[in-house]
Protein backbone atom coordinates (compact mmCIF):
# COMPACT_ATOMS: atom_id res chain seq x y z
CA MET A 1 -69.89 -83.53 91.85
CA THR A 2 -69.80 -87.35 90.05
CA ALA A 3 -66.70 -88.06 88.21
CA ALA A 4 -67.54 -89.05 84.76
CA ARG A 5 -67.30 -92.14 83.85
CA THR A 6 -63.92 -93.74 81.92
CA VAL A 7 -63.92 -97.37 80.43
CA ARG A 8 -60.50 -98.52 80.78
CA LEU A 9 -59.21 -100.64 77.17
CA GLY A 10 -55.63 -102.81 77.91
CA ALA A 11 -53.42 -103.86 75.26
CA GLY A 12 -52.69 -107.56 75.87
CA ALA A 13 -50.72 -108.18 72.67
CA GLY A 14 -48.93 -106.06 69.79
CA PHE A 15 -48.41 -109.30 67.41
CA ALA A 16 -48.94 -112.61 66.98
CA GLY A 17 -45.91 -113.76 68.70
CA ASP A 18 -46.02 -111.12 71.71
CA ARG A 19 -45.15 -112.12 75.48
CA ILE A 20 -48.38 -113.26 77.62
CA ASP A 21 -46.80 -112.80 81.54
CA PRO A 22 -47.42 -108.94 80.86
CA ALA A 23 -51.25 -109.63 79.55
CA VAL A 24 -51.87 -111.87 82.46
CA GLU A 25 -50.24 -108.77 84.83
CA LEU A 26 -52.60 -106.13 83.16
CA ALA A 27 -55.39 -108.10 83.65
CA ARG A 28 -54.89 -109.01 87.20
CA HIS A 29 -53.24 -105.53 88.23
CA ALA A 30 -55.29 -103.21 86.01
CA ARG A 31 -58.41 -104.68 85.72
CA PRO A 32 -59.54 -103.50 82.21
CA ASP A 33 -63.19 -102.97 81.17
CA TYR A 34 -61.48 -104.70 77.87
CA LEU A 35 -58.34 -106.38 77.45
CA VAL A 36 -57.43 -106.74 73.85
CA PHE A 37 -55.17 -108.71 71.72
CA GLU A 38 -54.02 -106.92 69.05
CA CYS A 39 -51.97 -110.25 66.69
CA LEU A 40 -52.31 -109.68 63.38
CA GLY A 41 -50.76 -108.43 60.44
CA GLU A 42 -50.97 -108.74 56.52
CA ARG A 43 -48.43 -111.58 56.18
CA THR A 44 -49.95 -113.36 59.93
CA VAL A 45 -53.32 -113.65 57.97
CA ALA A 46 -52.23 -114.45 54.74
CA ALA A 47 -49.86 -117.34 56.54
CA GLY A 48 -52.82 -118.06 58.22
CA HIS A 49 -54.71 -119.43 55.26
CA ALA A 50 -51.91 -121.29 53.62
CA ARG A 51 -52.00 -123.40 57.12
CA ARG A 52 -55.45 -123.41 56.88
CA LEU A 53 -55.08 -124.85 53.10
CA ALA A 54 -53.09 -127.56 55.05
CA ASP A 55 -54.97 -128.22 57.89
CA PRO A 56 -59.01 -127.05 57.87
CA ALA A 57 -58.67 -126.67 61.36
CA ALA A 58 -55.80 -124.10 62.00
CA GLY A 59 -55.12 -120.58 60.46
CA PHE A 60 -55.96 -119.04 63.77
CA ASP A 61 -53.25 -117.42 66.14
CA PRO A 62 -51.64 -120.71 67.59
CA LEU A 63 -51.14 -119.13 71.01
CA LEU A 64 -54.62 -117.78 71.47
CA ALA A 65 -55.26 -121.02 73.81
CA ALA A 66 -52.01 -120.21 76.03
CA ARG A 67 -53.61 -116.34 76.14
CA LEU A 68 -56.41 -117.00 76.86
CA ARG A 69 -55.45 -119.54 80.03
CA GLY A 70 -53.34 -117.10 81.15
CA VAL A 71 -55.89 -114.01 81.53
CA LEU A 72 -59.56 -115.26 81.97
CA PRO A 73 -59.50 -116.48 85.42
CA HIS A 74 -58.02 -112.75 85.98
CA CYS A 75 -60.79 -111.37 83.45
CA HIS A 76 -63.65 -113.39 84.88
CA ALA A 77 -63.14 -112.31 88.33
CA ALA A 78 -63.18 -108.97 87.23
CA GLY A 79 -65.81 -108.40 84.33
CA THR A 80 -63.23 -108.25 81.87
CA THR A 81 -64.02 -108.63 78.04
CA VAL A 82 -61.49 -109.70 76.13
CA VAL A 83 -61.39 -108.55 72.50
CA THR A 84 -58.69 -110.22 69.71
CA ASN A 85 -58.39 -110.82 66.01
CA SER A 86 -56.44 -113.35 67.03
CA GLY A 87 -59.25 -115.74 64.25
CA ALA A 88 -56.77 -114.38 61.67
CA ALA A 89 -57.64 -116.91 58.80
CA ASN A 90 -60.40 -119.02 60.68
CA PRO A 91 -62.45 -117.02 63.06
CA GLU A 92 -64.73 -120.11 63.52
CA ALA A 93 -62.02 -122.50 64.63
CA ALA A 94 -60.37 -119.97 67.35
CA GLY A 95 -64.15 -119.48 68.63
CA ASP A 96 -64.32 -122.93 69.13
CA CYS A 97 -60.82 -123.07 70.77
CA ALA A 98 -62.12 -120.06 73.18
CA ALA A 99 -65.17 -121.95 73.86
CA ARG A 100 -63.20 -124.99 74.85
CA VAL A 101 -60.45 -122.92 76.94
CA ALA A 102 -63.00 -121.40 78.96
CA ALA A 103 -65.12 -124.86 79.49
CA GLU A 104 -61.83 -126.20 81.07
CA ALA A 105 -61.61 -123.59 82.92
CA GLY A 106 -64.91 -124.21 84.21
CA PHE A 107 -66.24 -120.27 83.25
CA GLY A 108 -69.79 -119.63 81.76
CA THR A 109 -68.23 -117.91 79.09
CA ARG A 110 -70.20 -116.11 76.17
CA ILE A 111 -67.91 -115.91 72.91
CA ALA A 112 -68.90 -113.98 70.00
CA VAL A 113 -67.01 -114.87 66.52
CA VAL A 114 -67.10 -111.87 63.84
CA THR A 115 -66.56 -113.10 60.01
CA GLY A 116 -67.10 -111.59 56.86
CA ASP A 117 -63.60 -109.87 56.24
CA ASP A 118 -63.22 -113.09 54.12
CA VAL A 119 -63.78 -112.02 50.70
CA LEU A 120 -61.67 -114.15 48.62
CA ASP A 121 -65.25 -114.92 46.04
CA LEU A 122 -65.63 -111.12 45.83
CA VAL A 123 -62.03 -109.91 44.77
CA ARG A 124 -62.13 -112.36 41.96
CA ALA A 125 -65.59 -111.55 40.81
CA LEU A 126 -64.99 -107.90 40.73
CA ASP A 127 -61.18 -108.21 39.41
CA PRO A 128 -60.01 -104.67 41.19
CA VAL A 129 -56.72 -103.17 40.67
CA VAL A 130 -53.72 -104.64 42.80
CA TRP A 131 -51.66 -101.63 43.99
CA GLU A 132 -48.32 -102.72 43.91
CA THR A 133 -48.66 -103.63 40.23
CA GLY A 134 -51.00 -100.93 39.05
CA THR A 135 -52.88 -103.87 36.91
CA PRO A 136 -56.20 -105.83 37.48
CA LEU A 137 -55.93 -108.78 39.83
CA SER A 138 -56.73 -111.27 36.85
CA GLU A 139 -53.37 -110.31 35.10
CA ILE A 140 -51.19 -111.70 38.17
CA ASP A 141 -50.08 -115.25 37.32
CA ASP A 142 -49.35 -116.37 41.34
CA GLU A 143 -52.07 -118.41 42.73
CA LEU A 144 -53.88 -116.01 44.80
CA ILE A 145 -55.34 -117.86 47.81
CA SER A 146 -56.66 -115.74 50.29
CA ALA A 147 -58.20 -111.94 50.05
CA ASN A 148 -59.28 -110.12 53.75
CA ALA A 149 -60.74 -106.87 54.07
CA TYR A 150 -60.24 -104.70 56.94
CA LEU A 151 -63.53 -104.30 59.08
CA GLY A 152 -64.37 -101.56 61.27
CA ALA A 153 -65.05 -101.09 64.46
CA GLU A 154 -68.99 -101.92 64.10
CA PRO A 155 -69.42 -105.53 64.16
CA VAL A 156 -66.88 -105.26 67.78
CA ALA A 157 -69.65 -102.97 68.76
CA ASP A 158 -72.30 -105.38 67.89
CA ALA A 159 -70.33 -108.27 69.44
CA VAL A 160 -70.20 -106.44 72.81
CA SER A 161 -73.24 -105.24 72.56
CA ALA A 162 -74.22 -108.84 72.41
CA GLY A 163 -73.33 -109.95 75.76
CA ALA A 164 -70.04 -111.49 74.75
CA ASP A 165 -66.90 -111.73 77.29
CA VAL A 166 -65.05 -112.94 74.45
CA VAL A 167 -65.04 -111.47 70.85
CA VAL A 168 -62.83 -113.10 68.39
CA THR A 169 -62.44 -111.74 64.99
CA GLY A 170 -60.18 -112.19 61.46
CA ARG A 171 -58.94 -109.55 59.86
CA VAL A 172 -60.36 -105.90 61.69
CA ALA A 173 -58.03 -102.90 61.61
CA ASP A 174 -55.74 -102.42 64.67
CA PRO A 175 -57.69 -99.34 66.11
CA ALA A 176 -61.08 -100.67 65.25
CA LEU A 177 -60.80 -103.51 68.30
CA TYR A 178 -60.66 -100.57 70.64
CA LEU A 179 -63.12 -98.14 68.73
CA GLY A 180 -65.61 -101.20 68.87
CA PRO A 181 -65.71 -101.48 72.63
CA LEU A 182 -66.02 -97.34 73.04
CA ARG A 183 -68.65 -97.16 70.72
CA HIS A 184 -70.72 -100.04 72.10
CA GLU A 185 -69.84 -98.18 75.84
CA PHE A 186 -70.37 -94.38 74.55
CA GLY A 187 -73.34 -94.74 72.14
CA TRP A 188 -70.47 -92.95 69.54
CA ASP A 189 -72.07 -93.15 66.17
CA VAL A 190 -70.75 -93.98 62.83
CA ASP A 191 -71.31 -89.99 61.93
CA GLU A 192 -69.88 -88.68 64.92
CA HIS A 193 -66.52 -88.14 63.21
CA GLU A 194 -64.66 -85.97 66.18
CA LEU A 195 -65.40 -88.52 68.35
CA LEU A 196 -64.07 -91.66 66.00
CA GLY A 197 -60.76 -89.70 65.46
CA LYS A 198 -60.25 -89.89 69.03
CA GLY A 199 -60.99 -93.38 69.74
CA THR A 200 -58.96 -94.09 67.00
CA LEU A 201 -56.06 -92.45 68.27
CA VAL A 202 -56.37 -94.20 71.41
CA GLY A 203 -56.23 -97.68 69.89
CA HIS A 204 -53.71 -96.25 67.35
CA LEU A 205 -51.13 -95.94 70.69
CA LEU A 206 -52.06 -99.11 72.49
CA GLU A 207 -52.37 -101.45 69.55
CA CYS A 208 -48.69 -102.34 69.25
CA ALA A 209 -48.62 -102.90 73.50
CA GLY A 210 -44.90 -102.59 74.58
CA GLN A 211 -43.85 -100.41 71.95
CA LEU A 212 -46.00 -97.52 73.64
CA THR A 213 -44.41 -98.23 77.16
CA GLY A 214 -40.91 -98.26 75.88
CA GLY A 215 -40.47 -101.00 73.93
CA TYR A 216 -39.29 -100.00 70.90
CA PHE A 217 -38.63 -96.73 71.90
CA ALA A 218 -35.21 -98.32 73.80
CA ASP A 219 -31.57 -97.19 73.52
CA PRO A 220 -29.13 -98.02 75.72
CA VAL A 221 -27.40 -94.45 75.59
CA THR A 222 -30.01 -92.18 74.21
CA LYS A 223 -33.14 -93.67 75.62
CA PRO A 224 -32.88 -95.83 78.45
CA VAL A 225 -35.74 -97.73 79.61
CA PRO A 226 -35.98 -99.31 83.40
CA ALA A 227 -36.15 -102.93 83.75
CA PRO A 228 -36.89 -103.66 79.90
CA ALA A 229 -37.64 -107.49 80.94
CA ARG A 230 -40.34 -106.81 82.73
CA LEU A 231 -41.94 -104.23 80.26
CA GLY A 232 -45.59 -103.11 81.51
CA PHE A 233 -48.36 -103.52 78.33
CA PRO A 234 -50.48 -100.05 78.62
CA PHE A 235 -53.97 -99.48 79.09
CA ALA A 236 -56.00 -96.49 78.66
CA ASP A 237 -58.61 -94.58 80.66
CA VAL A 238 -60.86 -93.28 78.43
CA SER A 239 -63.82 -90.34 78.65
CA SER A 240 -66.96 -90.10 77.05
CA ASP A 241 -65.90 -87.06 75.01
CA GLY A 242 -62.97 -89.36 73.64
CA THR A 243 -59.79 -87.81 75.90
CA ALA A 244 -57.90 -90.10 77.05
CA VAL A 245 -54.75 -91.15 80.13
CA LEU A 246 -52.36 -93.59 79.59
CA GLY A 247 -50.95 -95.75 82.10
CA LYS A 248 -49.52 -99.01 82.69
CA PRO A 249 -49.68 -101.34 85.81
CA ASP A 250 -47.25 -99.99 89.06
CA GLY A 251 -44.10 -101.68 89.33
CA THR A 252 -43.79 -103.16 85.77
CA GLY A 253 -40.74 -102.10 83.97
CA GLY A 254 -40.23 -99.66 80.93
CA ARG A 255 -41.65 -96.27 80.72
CA LEU A 256 -44.30 -94.53 79.13
CA ASP A 257 -43.98 -90.48 78.85
CA ARG A 258 -44.13 -87.71 76.02
CA ARG A 259 -41.77 -88.89 73.73
CA THR A 260 -43.08 -92.62 74.16
CA CYS A 261 -46.40 -91.44 72.98
CA GLY A 262 -44.84 -89.03 70.39
CA GLU A 263 -43.05 -91.94 68.43
CA GLN A 264 -46.21 -94.29 68.88
CA LEU A 265 -48.22 -91.66 67.25
CA LEU A 266 -46.67 -91.74 64.21
CA TYR A 267 -45.83 -95.12 63.73
CA GLU A 268 -47.05 -96.34 60.81
CA VAL A 269 -48.60 -93.20 59.82
CA ASP A 270 -47.93 -91.79 56.36
CA ASP A 271 -50.10 -88.80 57.14
CA PRO A 272 -50.91 -87.12 60.16
CA ALA A 273 -53.79 -85.47 59.34
CA ALA A 274 -55.22 -88.03 57.32
CA TYR A 275 -54.61 -91.69 58.61
CA VAL A 276 -57.42 -93.91 56.96
CA THR A 277 -59.37 -96.53 58.64
CA PRO A 278 -62.78 -98.25 58.20
CA ASP A 279 -64.33 -96.19 60.42
CA VAL A 280 -62.78 -92.68 59.75
CA VAL A 281 -60.29 -90.84 58.43
CA ALA A 282 -58.48 -89.51 61.31
CA ASP A 283 -56.63 -86.60 62.10
CA PHE A 284 -53.63 -86.57 64.46
CA SER A 285 -51.71 -83.33 63.71
CA GLY A 286 -53.11 -81.21 66.50
CA VAL A 287 -52.55 -84.28 69.16
CA SER A 288 -51.08 -83.17 72.05
CA PHE A 289 -49.37 -85.27 75.30
CA THR A 290 -49.29 -84.04 78.34
CA GLU A 291 -47.71 -86.10 81.28
CA VAL A 292 -50.11 -85.96 84.43
CA GLY A 293 -47.92 -88.49 86.92
CA PRO A 294 -45.34 -91.09 86.78
CA ASP A 295 -46.46 -93.17 83.55
CA ARG A 296 -49.19 -91.37 83.09
CA VAL A 297 -49.99 -89.49 79.78
CA ALA A 298 -53.20 -87.49 78.80
CA ALA A 299 -53.81 -87.46 74.72
CA GLN A 300 -56.17 -85.32 73.14
CA GLY A 301 -56.60 -83.07 70.16
CA ALA A 302 -57.63 -85.89 67.60
CA THR A 303 -60.52 -85.03 65.34
CA GLY A 304 -61.78 -87.02 62.00
CA ARG A 305 -63.34 -86.65 58.94
CA PRO A 306 -66.26 -89.24 57.30
CA ARG A 307 -64.88 -92.43 56.35
CA PRO A 308 -63.86 -93.53 53.03
CA GLY A 309 -66.25 -95.37 50.58
CA GLY A 310 -64.00 -98.50 50.31
CA LEU A 311 -62.39 -101.13 52.17
CA LYS A 312 -58.77 -102.03 52.07
CA VAL A 313 -58.36 -105.82 51.40
CA THR A 314 -55.13 -107.94 51.74
CA LEU A 315 -54.23 -111.13 49.28
CA GLY A 316 -52.24 -113.36 49.67
CA PHE A 317 -50.80 -115.37 46.92
CA ARG A 318 -48.80 -118.20 46.37
CA GLY A 319 -45.13 -117.18 46.18
CA GLY A 320 -43.01 -120.33 45.47
CA TRP A 321 -40.75 -121.48 48.48
CA LEU A 322 -37.55 -119.73 49.89
CA GLY A 323 -34.14 -122.12 50.65
CA GLU A 324 -31.88 -120.97 52.55
CA GLY A 325 -28.66 -121.66 54.26
CA GLN A 326 -26.43 -119.91 57.08
CA LEU A 327 -22.67 -120.80 58.22
CA THR A 328 -20.58 -118.64 60.68
CA TYR A 329 -16.97 -117.74 60.16
CA ALA A 330 -14.43 -116.16 62.67
CA GLY A 331 -10.75 -114.89 62.59
CA PRO A 332 -8.67 -113.16 60.55
CA ARG A 333 -10.03 -113.00 56.90
CA CYS A 334 -14.03 -114.41 58.39
CA LEU A 335 -15.15 -111.80 55.39
CA ASP A 336 -13.02 -113.45 52.61
CA ARG A 337 -13.50 -117.02 53.33
CA ALA A 338 -17.60 -116.26 53.86
CA ARG A 339 -17.08 -114.93 50.20
CA MET A 340 -15.35 -117.76 49.11
CA ALA A 341 -17.88 -119.83 50.82
CA ALA A 342 -20.89 -118.00 49.19
CA ASP A 343 -19.34 -118.55 45.37
CA ILE A 344 -18.92 -121.74 45.82
CA ALA A 345 -22.61 -122.37 46.82
CA ARG A 346 -24.08 -119.97 44.32
CA GLU A 347 -21.92 -121.89 41.67
CA ARG A 348 -22.79 -125.58 42.50
CA LEU A 349 -26.74 -124.02 43.36
CA VAL A 350 -26.15 -122.92 39.14
CA ALA A 351 -24.27 -125.65 38.02
CA VAL A 352 -25.38 -128.80 39.84
CA HIS A 353 -29.13 -128.07 40.72
CA GLY A 354 -30.14 -125.51 37.84
CA LEU A 355 -31.14 -122.60 39.88
CA PRO A 356 -31.07 -119.70 37.94
CA GLU A 357 -28.73 -117.10 39.10
CA GLU A 358 -30.47 -114.27 39.59
CA ALA A 359 -32.79 -116.05 42.20
CA ILE A 360 -29.76 -116.29 44.27
CA ASP A 361 -29.35 -113.95 47.25
CA VAL A 362 -26.38 -113.72 49.65
CA GLU A 363 -25.83 -111.94 52.93
CA TYR A 364 -23.23 -111.18 54.64
CA ILE A 365 -24.28 -110.65 58.59
CA GLY A 366 -21.65 -108.76 60.62
CA ALA A 367 -20.65 -106.93 57.36
CA GLY A 368 -23.07 -104.43 57.23
CA ALA A 369 -25.93 -106.52 55.24
CA ALA A 370 -28.57 -104.77 57.36
CA LEU A 371 -27.42 -101.29 55.55
CA ARG A 372 -27.97 -103.03 51.76
CA GLY A 373 -24.96 -101.20 50.05
CA LEU A 374 -25.80 -97.86 52.03
CA ALA A 375 -22.45 -98.09 53.94
CA PRO A 376 -19.02 -99.80 53.19
CA ALA A 377 -18.17 -103.34 54.13
CA VAL A 378 -16.62 -103.38 57.65
CA ASP A 379 -13.69 -105.30 58.54
CA PRO A 380 -15.35 -107.99 60.87
CA VAL A 381 -14.19 -110.41 63.61
CA GLU A 382 -17.22 -112.96 62.25
CA VAL A 383 -19.72 -113.07 60.04
CA ARG A 384 -22.34 -115.15 59.21
CA VAL A 385 -22.90 -115.99 55.30
CA ARG A 386 -26.76 -116.41 54.55
CA VAL A 387 -27.68 -118.04 50.86
CA SER A 388 -31.02 -118.07 49.66
CA ALA A 389 -33.15 -118.68 46.76
CA ARG A 390 -36.62 -118.09 46.06
CA VAL A 391 -37.58 -120.95 43.59
CA PRO A 392 -40.83 -122.70 42.10
CA SER A 393 -40.59 -125.77 44.47
CA ALA A 394 -39.66 -127.18 47.67
CA GLU A 395 -37.28 -129.78 46.31
CA ALA A 396 -34.70 -126.90 45.09
CA ALA A 397 -35.46 -124.60 48.08
CA GLU A 398 -33.85 -127.74 49.98
CA ALA A 399 -30.47 -127.65 47.56
CA VAL A 400 -29.79 -123.91 48.77
CA GLY A 401 -29.45 -125.47 52.77
CA TRP A 402 -27.90 -128.42 51.16
CA GLU A 403 -24.82 -126.84 49.37
CA VAL A 404 -24.13 -124.35 52.38
CA GLU A 405 -23.81 -126.80 55.19
CA SER A 406 -21.90 -129.46 52.94
CA LEU A 407 -19.14 -126.18 53.22
CA TYR A 408 -18.59 -128.17 56.41
CA THR A 409 -15.80 -129.99 55.20
CA ASN A 410 -15.55 -128.77 51.21
CA GLY A 411 -13.92 -125.20 52.44
CA PRO A 412 -13.56 -122.46 52.75
CA ALA A 413 -11.81 -123.30 56.37
CA GLY A 414 -13.23 -122.40 59.92
CA GLY A 415 -16.68 -122.60 58.92
CA GLY A 416 -19.71 -123.65 61.92
CA GLY A 417 -22.87 -123.57 62.86
CA ALA A 418 -24.87 -124.44 59.77
CA ARG A 419 -28.38 -123.71 59.90
CA ARG A 420 -31.01 -124.60 57.09
CA SER A 421 -34.70 -124.39 56.30
CA VAL A 422 -36.80 -124.32 53.77
CA THR A 423 -40.46 -122.08 54.01
CA GLU A 424 -43.35 -121.75 51.39
CA VAL A 425 -43.51 -117.83 50.26
CA VAL A 426 -46.67 -116.16 50.92
CA ALA A 427 -47.06 -112.99 48.47
CA VAL A 428 -48.89 -110.00 50.15
CA ARG A 429 -50.50 -107.18 47.75
CA SER A 430 -53.42 -105.10 48.28
CA CYS A 431 -56.21 -103.50 46.70
CA VAL A 432 -59.99 -101.82 47.68
CA VAL A 433 -63.36 -103.01 47.04
CA PRO A 434 -66.71 -101.10 47.75
CA ARG A 435 -67.74 -100.73 51.31
CA GLU A 436 -71.38 -101.76 50.26
CA HIS A 437 -70.02 -105.50 49.20
CA VAL A 438 -68.72 -106.17 52.59
CA SER A 439 -70.59 -108.28 54.76
CA PRO A 440 -69.91 -108.67 58.53
CA ARG A 441 -71.26 -111.03 60.96
CA VAL A 442 -71.34 -112.12 64.44
CA THR A 443 -72.15 -115.37 65.61
CA VAL A 444 -72.78 -115.83 69.59
CA LEU A 445 -71.37 -119.27 70.24
CA PRO A 446 -74.10 -121.38 71.86
């Protein structure tokens, strides 16, 4: 009997700052049919638009060229197609970057670029209700600089069908990067909801790469993970009926079992019975995992219902400037001295620089800051005071770090390790637009 054909999907990245060497190892040793780089969070795409406003050639993932240089030789040898949303706010420029890297390496690589997610003009015309405020977009005073709709798997499948060796997209839903190749390979139609739900499960499990193989799972005592510095990234062998076996390259660090899969299944999922994506409302409530070998897990039981009529849109607004300064105090009464330092900085920022007191925030890192008041402050042996303020101008933001740094010689005693920064704030909000108003496009570069 002939074995059923499977398609191997590899997870090359789970966020914009992810490592590159595990993706190279995956491409070289696992030889996936598709290697997916998921590099786009909501703030990532909005920040990309802010960079593009300053430089029209920017706005895509700065690590795109390095990622492609690392994996393209192995992908070319194995016939692996690369799929990535590294295009972020500028997929056209990202496509040109990919073409340059391929040409430098001497590969005749076919690049396809997916666009159409930029719906800035559309949301201005439709004036939708913003989720976070409950008001029409037009009633928000902050400057709107970006609006990107979550595209689904269809344009990714179309790009692969056009013969692309590298597919570069902007805002595409994370699981859709994996579902697109499956739709192309197996011919799954838009109304085959159960299969789309199963494919979405695979994409959701793989989309964060090392999280599935023990990265975010790890705890030294309760959940040990072998060789985490050599964490291997996962892949999935998917059959035409949507069942899948998850794995990672042999000899790599990390762990892949029912527990790591279970945690990733629930990651960023509000209702497991109704996980809404552009392609399907997936139902994960009946999913089961079976360990079928060392670092091999079979996943099954997902299903789905018809996709929603609207597409979620990420809105990016200019939100002023964030200035911050940090300083460390150690030894006896370090928390008292850190509090004294913060009081001095706060008073001077208000009295000398005219910052509103309500804009200033203080954290005592090492003394319970991460708990946000939910637990009493401990008595630390060292503490790092962080003073920050969100203000309208870069000049006002610069004053924050300046005042903290000036505590070196102006007291209290024993401060060291000063750091200061000024960052433009891009605020992210969301809305929905009717699906029929959004038109994805696939362009194959000459």
